[in-house]
Protein backbone atom coordinates (compact mmCIF):
# COMPACT_ATOMS: atom_id res chain seq x y z
CA MET A 1 -0.03 -0.19 0.02
CA ASN A 2 3.03 2.10 0.62
CA ARG A 3 4.23 2.49 -3.14
CA MET A 4 0.25 2.75 -3.82
CA LYS A 5 0.16 5.65 -2.12
CA ASN A 6 3.19 7.65 -2.78
CA TYR A 7 2.11 7.45 -6.70
CA PHE A 8 -1.40 8.38 -6.35
CA TYR A 9 -1.06 11.39 -4.93
CA LYS A 10 1.66 12.58 -7.33
CA ASN A 11 -0.58 11.43 -10.23
CA VAL A 12 -3.83 13.01 -8.90
CA LYS A 13 -1.87 16.19 -9.08
CA PHE A 14 -0.30 15.54 -12.16
CA LEU A 15 -3.54 14.38 -13.91
CA ARG A 16 -5.38 17.31 -12.61
CA GLU A 17 -2.85 19.55 -13.91
CA GLN A 18 -2.60 18.28 -17.41
CA LYS A 19 -6.55 18.84 -17.39
CA ARG A 20 -5.86 22.31 -16.05
CA LEU A 21 -8.45 21.98 -13.31
CA THR A 22 -8.22 23.62 -9.71
CA GLN A 23 -8.61 21.29 -7.17
CA SER A 24 -12.25 22.59 -6.66
CA GLU A 25 -13.10 21.80 -10.58
CA LEU A 26 -11.63 18.30 -9.86
CA ALA A 27 -13.96 17.67 -6.94
CA GLU A 28 -16.81 18.98 -8.98
CA GLU A 29 -16.11 16.65 -11.89
CA LEU A 30 -15.71 13.81 -10.21
CA ASN A 31 -18.88 14.23 -8.33
CA LYS A 32 -20.57 14.93 -11.22
CA LYS A 33 -19.55 12.10 -13.81
CA GLU A 34 -18.06 9.66 -11.23
CA LYS A 35 -21.05 9.90 -8.67
CA LEU A 36 -18.59 10.70 -5.82
CA ASP A 37 -19.31 12.96 -2.94
CA ILE A 38 -15.95 14.63 -2.32
CA LYS A 39 -14.92 18.29 -1.50
CA GLU A 40 -12.02 20.56 -2.83
CA ALA A 41 -10.13 19.69 0.70
CA THR A 42 -10.10 15.92 0.07
CA ILE A 43 -8.39 16.44 -3.37
CA GLY A 44 -5.77 18.37 -1.39
CA HIS A 45 -5.69 15.83 1.17
CA TRP A 46 -4.89 13.10 -1.51
CA GLU A 47 -2.46 15.40 -3.43
CA ASN A 48 -0.48 16.33 -0.15
CA ASN A 49 -0.05 12.73 0.60
CA ILE A 50 -2.46 13.08 3.93
CA ARG A 51 -5.02 10.83 2.87
CA THR A 52 -5.39 7.99 0.42
CA PRO A 53 -9.11 7.30 -0.81
CA LYS A 54 -10.72 3.67 -0.57
CA ILE A 55 -9.79 1.42 -3.46
CA GLU A 56 -13.46 2.07 -4.87
CA THR A 57 -12.74 5.74 -4.83
CA ILE A 58 -9.15 5.32 -6.67
CA LEU A 59 -10.87 3.24 -9.31
CA LYS A 60 -13.27 6.05 -10.09
CA VAL A 61 -10.46 8.32 -10.40
CA ALA A 62 -8.50 6.37 -12.68
CA HIS A 63 -11.81 5.99 -14.73
CA TYR A 64 -12.54 9.78 -14.72
CA PHE A 65 -8.83 10.40 -16.00
CA ASN A 66 -9.11 7.48 -18.54
CA VAL A 67 -6.31 5.46 -17.24
CA GLY A 68 -6.06 2.24 -16.13
CA SER A 69 -6.29 0.98 -12.44
CA GLU A 70 -2.71 -0.21 -12.69
CA ILE A 71 -1.51 3.07 -14.28
CA ILE A 72 -2.86 5.33 -11.21
CA PHE A 73 -0.58 3.33 -9.06
CA ASN A 74 2.44 4.00 -11.18
CA ASP A 75 5.18 6.77 -11.78
CA ILE A 76 2.71 8.15 -14.60
CA LYS A 77 4.60 11.83 -15.03
CA ASN A 78 8.05 9.84 -15.57
CA ASN A 79 6.36 7.98 -17.83
CA ILE A 80 5.10 10.54 -20.22
CA ILE A 81 8.24 12.82 -19.78
CA ASN A 82 9.95 9.47 -21.37
CA TYR A 83 7.53 9.62 -24.55
CA THR A 84 10.32 10.94 -27.08
CA LEU A 85 10.40 12.96 -29.81
CA ASP A 86 10.55 10.05 -32.41
CA GLU A 87 7.62 8.28 -30.63
CA GLU A 88 5.59 11.83 -31.34
CA GLU A 89 7.19 11.74 -34.82
CA GLN A 90 6.06 8.30 -35.63
CA ASP A 91 2.68 9.01 -34.18
CA LEU A 92 1.99 11.96 -36.37
CA LYS A 93 3.30 9.99 -39.64
CA ASN A 94 0.66 7.45 -38.57
CA LEU A 95 -2.10 10.21 -38.29
CA GLY A 96 -1.00 11.64 -41.33
CA ARG A 97 -1.49 8.13 -43.10
CA LEU A 98 -4.89 7.63 -41.60
CA LEU A 99 -6.20 10.75 -42.49
CA LYS A 100 -5.14 10.51 -45.97
CA ARG A 101 -6.63 6.87 -46.17
CA LEU A 102 -9.90 8.32 -44.94
CA GLY A 103 -9.95 10.74 -47.67
CA TYR A 104 -9.50 13.57 -45.57
CA MET A 105 -6.61 15.06 -47.15
CA LYS A 106 -7.51 14.74 -50.92
CA GLY A 107 -4.54 12.56 -52.04
CA LYS A 108 -1.88 14.59 -50.45
CA ASN A 109 0.33 14.23 -47.41
CA PRO A 110 -0.84 16.39 -44.65
CA THR A 111 1.52 18.57 -42.97
CA LYS A 112 2.65 18.50 -39.37
CA ASP A 113 0.44 21.81 -38.68
CA GLU A 114 -2.43 20.18 -40.40
CA MET A 115 -2.36 16.82 -37.97
CA LYS A 116 -1.86 19.02 -35.13
CA LYS A 117 -4.99 21.12 -36.11
CA PHE A 118 -7.05 17.97 -36.67
CA LEU A 119 -5.80 16.89 -33.19
CA MET A 120 -7.02 20.23 -31.44
CA TRP A 121 -10.38 19.52 -33.39
CA TYR A 122 -10.48 16.16 -32.20
CA GLU A 123 -10.21 17.21 -28.74
CA ALA A 124 -12.15 20.13 -28.71
CA SER A 125 -14.80 17.58 -30.31
CA ARG A 126 -14.34 15.25 -27.66
CA ARG A 127 -14.80 17.59 -24.64
CA LEU A 128 -17.79 18.94 -26.32
CA PHE A 129 -19.41 15.35 -26.53
CA ASP A 130 -18.48 14.23 -23.26
CA GLU A 131 -20.37 17.11 -21.63
C-alpha cells in the first residue's frame, strides 16, 4: 500500500494539472461524472499525501482520467516525460496516413500543422460530446 499511496498522490496532482483543473473543479467533475461525494479539501489531502481514498474511489478517479487502475498506481509523470520526440514523430506520421486513407487530405500528405490542427479539433469535439 505504501508504493500505491506514494504514486497515487503524485498522479492525481499531475493528471489534474494536465487537464488544467483546480482542485475545486476536479472535485466537482468527480462528483458529477463518477457519482462521488468529495470536497476540494479532499483533493488537497490526496495531493499532499495526507489521506488515501478507498480503492473504490481510486478506481473511479482512474476511470475519470481515462487511465487503467494499474497506471494510477505507477509513476505516470516519468512515463509521459519519457515519451520521446521520435515516438511523437511516428504518431504524427501514422495519423497522417490515417487521414489520407480516410480521404481527408485529398490525395496529398498532410503537414504537421494540419495534423496538429486535426488533433486540436478532435480534442475539442471530444470534450464537447463528453459534457
